[in-house]
Amino acid sequence: MLTDNASTTACQLPLSLFPDWLRTLLLTVVPFGFINYVPAMFIVRSEWGWWTIPAAAAVAALSLGAAFALWRVGVRKYQSTGT
C-alpha cells in the first residue's frame, strides 16, 4: 500500500528532499517536520535559532492535545457490535 507508514518515512527523510508544497504541509498542517526535523537541524547545524526547541515542544504538546480530543470524540461516538 502506498500510504502504509508514510508518516514514519516522511519523518526519517530531510525536508530539503521534498517539494516546497509538501515541505509546507509537513511543517504546518501535519507537523511531523516541525516536531522532528527543525529541532534536529538546530542541534546539528544551529539553524533557525534557539527558539526552535521550545517551539517544537509547544507544537508537539498542541498536536498531542488535538489527538487526545479527537480520540475522546471517537470513543464517545463508538458503538460496539455486541458480540
N, C-alpha and C. Protein backbone atom coordinates (compact mmCIF):
# COMPACT_ATOMS: atom_id res chain seq x y z
N MET A 1 0.85 -1.17 0.00
CA MET A 1 0.00 0.00 0.00
C MET A 1 0.90 1.24 0.00
N LEU A 2 0.52 2.22 -0.77
CA LEU A 2 1.33 3.42 -0.95
C LEU A 2 1.46 4.25 0.31
N THR A 3 0.40 4.36 1.08
CA THR A 3 0.41 5.22 2.26
C THR A 3 0.79 4.49 3.55
N ASP A 4 1.11 3.22 3.47
CA ASP A 4 1.48 2.47 4.66
C ASP A 4 2.78 3.02 5.23
N ASN A 5 2.74 3.48 6.48
CA ASN A 5 3.89 4.06 7.19
C ASN A 5 4.44 5.31 6.49
N ALA A 6 3.59 6.04 5.80
CA ALA A 6 4.04 7.25 5.10
C ALA A 6 4.54 8.31 6.08
N SER A 7 3.89 8.45 7.23
CA SER A 7 4.32 9.45 8.20
C SER A 7 5.68 9.08 8.79
N THR A 8 5.91 7.82 9.03
CA THR A 8 7.20 7.38 9.55
C THR A 8 8.31 7.63 8.54
N THR A 9 8.04 7.33 7.30
CA THR A 9 9.03 7.56 6.25
C THR A 9 9.30 9.04 6.07
N ALA A 10 8.26 9.85 6.12
CA ALA A 10 8.43 11.30 5.96
C ALA A 10 9.26 11.88 7.10
N CYS A 11 9.17 11.32 8.28
CA CYS A 11 9.95 11.82 9.42
C CYS A 11 11.43 11.43 9.32
N GLN A 12 11.74 10.39 8.59
CA GLN A 12 13.11 9.92 8.52
C GLN A 12 13.94 10.64 7.46
N LEU A 13 13.28 11.31 6.52
CA LEU A 13 13.98 11.97 5.44
C LEU A 13 14.10 13.47 5.71
N PRO A 14 15.16 14.11 5.23
CA PRO A 14 15.29 15.56 5.41
C PRO A 14 14.23 16.30 4.60
N LEU A 15 13.75 17.39 5.14
CA LEU A 15 12.71 18.16 4.45
C LEU A 15 13.19 18.76 3.14
N SER A 16 14.48 18.94 3.00
CA SER A 16 15.01 19.52 1.77
C SER A 16 14.81 18.60 0.55
N LEU A 17 14.51 17.33 0.77
CA LEU A 17 14.26 16.40 -0.34
C LEU A 17 12.87 16.56 -0.93
N PHE A 18 11.95 17.15 -0.18
CA PHE A 18 10.57 17.26 -0.61
C PHE A 18 10.34 18.55 -1.39
N PRO A 19 9.34 18.57 -2.27
CA PRO A 19 8.99 19.82 -2.96
C PRO A 19 8.44 20.84 -1.96
N ASP A 20 8.41 22.10 -2.37
CA ASP A 20 8.00 23.17 -1.46
C ASP A 20 6.61 22.97 -0.89
N TRP A 21 5.65 22.53 -1.70
CA TRP A 21 4.29 22.38 -1.21
C TRP A 21 4.20 21.30 -0.13
N LEU A 22 4.96 20.21 -0.29
CA LEU A 22 4.95 19.14 0.70
C LEU A 22 5.71 19.56 1.95
N ARG A 23 6.78 20.30 1.78
CA ARG A 23 7.55 20.81 2.92
C ARG A 23 6.66 21.71 3.78
N THR A 24 5.90 22.59 3.13
CA THR A 24 4.98 23.46 3.85
C THR A 24 3.92 22.65 4.58
N LEU A 25 3.41 21.62 3.92
CA LEU A 25 2.42 20.75 4.55
C LEU A 25 2.99 20.05 5.78
N LEU A 26 4.22 19.55 5.69
CA LEU A 26 4.84 18.83 6.81
C LEU A 26 5.27 19.76 7.94
N LEU A 27 5.39 21.04 7.68
CA LEU A 27 5.75 21.99 8.73
C LEU A 27 4.54 22.63 9.40
N THR A 28 3.38 22.61 8.74
CA THR A 28 2.23 23.33 9.29
C THR A 28 1.03 22.43 9.55
N VAL A 29 0.47 21.84 8.50
CA VAL A 29 -0.77 21.09 8.65
C VAL A 29 -0.56 19.80 9.42
N VAL A 30 0.40 19.01 8.99
CA VAL A 30 0.78 17.78 9.66
C VAL A 30 2.19 18.03 10.20
N PRO A 31 2.33 18.43 11.46
CA PRO A 31 3.61 18.99 11.92
C PRO A 31 4.73 17.99 12.21
N PHE A 32 4.79 16.89 11.46
CA PHE A 32 5.88 15.94 11.66
C PHE A 32 7.23 16.59 11.42
N GLY A 33 7.32 17.40 10.40
CA GLY A 33 8.58 18.07 10.07
C GLY A 33 9.00 19.05 11.14
N PHE A 34 8.03 19.76 11.70
CA PHE A 34 8.37 20.74 12.72
C PHE A 34 8.78 20.07 14.02
N ILE A 35 8.16 18.97 14.35
CA ILE A 35 8.47 18.28 15.61
C ILE A 35 9.79 17.54 15.53
N ASN A 36 10.13 16.99 14.37
CA ASN A 36 11.35 16.18 14.23
C ASN A 36 12.51 16.91 13.57
N TYR A 37 12.28 17.45 12.40
CA TYR A 37 13.36 17.98 11.57
C TYR A 37 13.93 19.30 12.10
N VAL A 38 13.06 20.22 12.49
CA VAL A 38 13.52 21.54 12.92
C VAL A 38 14.42 21.46 14.16
N PRO A 39 14.05 20.75 15.22
CA PRO A 39 14.98 20.64 16.37
C PRO A 39 16.27 19.92 16.02
N ALA A 40 16.20 18.92 15.15
CA ALA A 40 17.42 18.22 14.75
C ALA A 40 18.37 19.15 14.02
N MET A 41 17.84 20.01 13.16
CA MET A 41 18.70 20.96 12.44
C MET A 41 19.29 22.00 13.38
N PHE A 42 18.58 22.34 14.44
CA PHE A 42 19.15 23.26 15.43
C PHE A 42 20.30 22.58 16.18
N ILE A 43 20.11 21.33 16.56
CA ILE A 43 21.15 20.62 17.31
C ILE A 43 22.37 20.35 16.43
N VAL A 44 22.14 19.92 15.19
CA VAL A 44 23.24 19.53 14.31
C VAL A 44 23.94 20.73 13.69
N ARG A 45 23.15 21.69 13.17
CA ARG A 45 23.74 22.80 12.41
C ARG A 45 23.50 24.18 13.00
N SER A 46 22.85 24.27 14.12
CA SER A 46 22.48 25.55 14.75
C SER A 46 21.67 26.44 13.81
N GLU A 47 20.78 25.82 13.05
CA GLU A 47 19.91 26.57 12.14
C GLU A 47 18.66 27.03 12.86
N TRP A 48 18.11 28.15 12.43
CA TRP A 48 16.84 28.72 12.84
C TRP A 48 16.82 29.31 14.24
N GLY A 49 17.83 29.18 15.05
CA GLY A 49 17.87 29.85 16.34
C GLY A 49 17.42 29.00 17.51
N TRP A 50 17.63 29.55 18.69
CA TRP A 50 17.36 28.83 19.94
C TRP A 50 15.88 28.58 20.17
N TRP A 51 15.02 29.38 19.58
CA TRP A 51 13.58 29.27 19.81
C TRP A 51 12.98 27.98 19.27
N THR A 52 13.72 27.25 18.45
CA THR A 52 13.16 26.05 17.81
C THR A 52 12.83 24.94 18.80
N ILE A 53 13.63 24.80 19.84
CA ILE A 53 13.37 23.72 20.81
C ILE A 53 12.07 23.98 21.58
N PRO A 54 11.88 25.16 22.20
CA PRO A 54 10.59 25.38 22.87
C PRO A 54 9.40 25.41 21.90
N ALA A 55 9.62 25.93 20.69
CA ALA A 55 8.52 25.95 19.71
C ALA A 55 8.14 24.53 19.30
N ALA A 56 9.12 23.68 19.09
CA ALA A 56 8.83 22.29 18.73
C ALA A 56 8.11 21.58 19.87
N ALA A 57 8.51 21.86 21.10
CA ALA A 57 7.83 21.26 22.25
C ALA A 57 6.38 21.74 22.34
N ALA A 58 6.16 23.02 22.05
CA ALA A 58 4.79 23.56 22.06
C ALA A 58 3.94 22.94 20.96
N VAL A 59 4.51 22.80 19.77
CA VAL A 59 3.78 22.18 18.66
C VAL A 59 3.47 20.73 18.98
N ALA A 60 4.42 20.03 19.58
CA ALA A 60 4.19 18.63 19.96
C ALA A 60 3.08 18.53 21.01
N ALA A 61 3.08 19.45 21.99
CA ALA A 61 2.04 19.44 23.02
C ALA A 61 0.67 19.75 22.42
N LEU A 62 0.61 20.71 21.51
CA LEU A 62 -0.66 21.03 20.85
C LEU A 62 -1.15 19.87 19.99
N SER A 63 -0.24 19.20 19.30
CA SER A 63 -0.61 18.04 18.50
C SER A 63 -1.12 16.91 19.37
N LEU A 64 -0.48 16.70 20.50
CA LEU A 64 -0.92 15.66 21.43
C LEU A 64 -2.30 15.99 21.99
N GLY A 65 -2.51 17.25 22.34
CA GLY A 65 -3.82 17.67 22.83
C GLY A 65 -4.91 17.49 21.79
N ALA A 66 -4.61 17.82 20.54
CA ALA A 66 -5.59 17.63 19.46
C ALA A 66 -5.87 16.15 19.24
N ALA A 67 -4.84 15.32 19.33
CA ALA A 67 -5.03 13.88 19.17
C ALA A 67 -5.89 13.31 20.29
N PHE A 68 -5.66 13.74 21.52
CA PHE A 68 -6.49 13.28 22.64
C PHE A 68 -7.93 13.73 22.49
N ALA A 69 -8.14 14.96 22.03
CA ALA A 69 -9.51 15.45 21.83
C ALA A 69 -10.21 14.64 20.75
N LEU A 70 -9.52 14.36 19.66
CA LEU A 70 -10.10 13.55 18.59
C LEU A 70 -10.38 12.13 19.07
N TRP A 71 -9.50 11.60 19.90
CA TRP A 71 -9.70 10.26 20.47
C TRP A 71 -10.96 10.23 21.33
N ARG A 72 -11.14 11.26 22.17
CA ARG A 72 -12.33 11.31 23.03
C ARG A 72 -13.61 11.38 22.19
N VAL A 73 -13.59 12.15 21.11
CA VAL A 73 -14.76 12.22 20.23
C VAL A 73 -15.05 10.84 19.63
N GLY A 74 -14.01 10.16 19.19
CA GLY A 74 -14.20 8.83 18.61
C GLY A 74 -14.72 7.82 19.61
N VAL A 75 -14.20 7.85 20.84
CA VAL A 75 -14.65 6.91 21.86
C VAL A 75 -16.09 7.22 22.26
N ARG A 76 -16.45 8.49 22.31
CA ARG A 76 -17.81 8.87 22.66
C ARG A 76 -18.81 8.41 21.60
N LYS A 77 -18.42 8.43 20.35
CA LYS A 77 -19.32 8.06 19.26
C LYS A 77 -19.24 6.57 18.88
N TYR A 78 -18.34 5.83 19.51
CA TYR A 78 -18.15 4.42 19.19
C TYR A 78 -19.38 3.61 19.64
N GLN A 79 -19.80 2.70 18.77
CA GLN A 79 -20.89 1.77 19.11
C GLN A 79 -20.41 0.36 18.84
N SER A 80 -20.43 -0.45 19.86
CA SER A 80 -19.97 -1.83 19.75
C SER A 80 -21.00 -2.68 19.00
N THR A 81 -20.52 -3.77 18.44
CA THR A 81 -21.44 -4.68 17.74
C THR A 81 -22.19 -5.57 18.69
N GLY A 82 -21.73 -5.71 19.91
CA GLY A 82 -22.42 -6.52 20.89
C GLY A 82 -22.02 -7.98 20.90
N THR A 83 -21.01 -8.35 20.13
CA THR A 83 -20.59 -9.74 20.12
C THR A 83 -19.39 -9.97 20.99
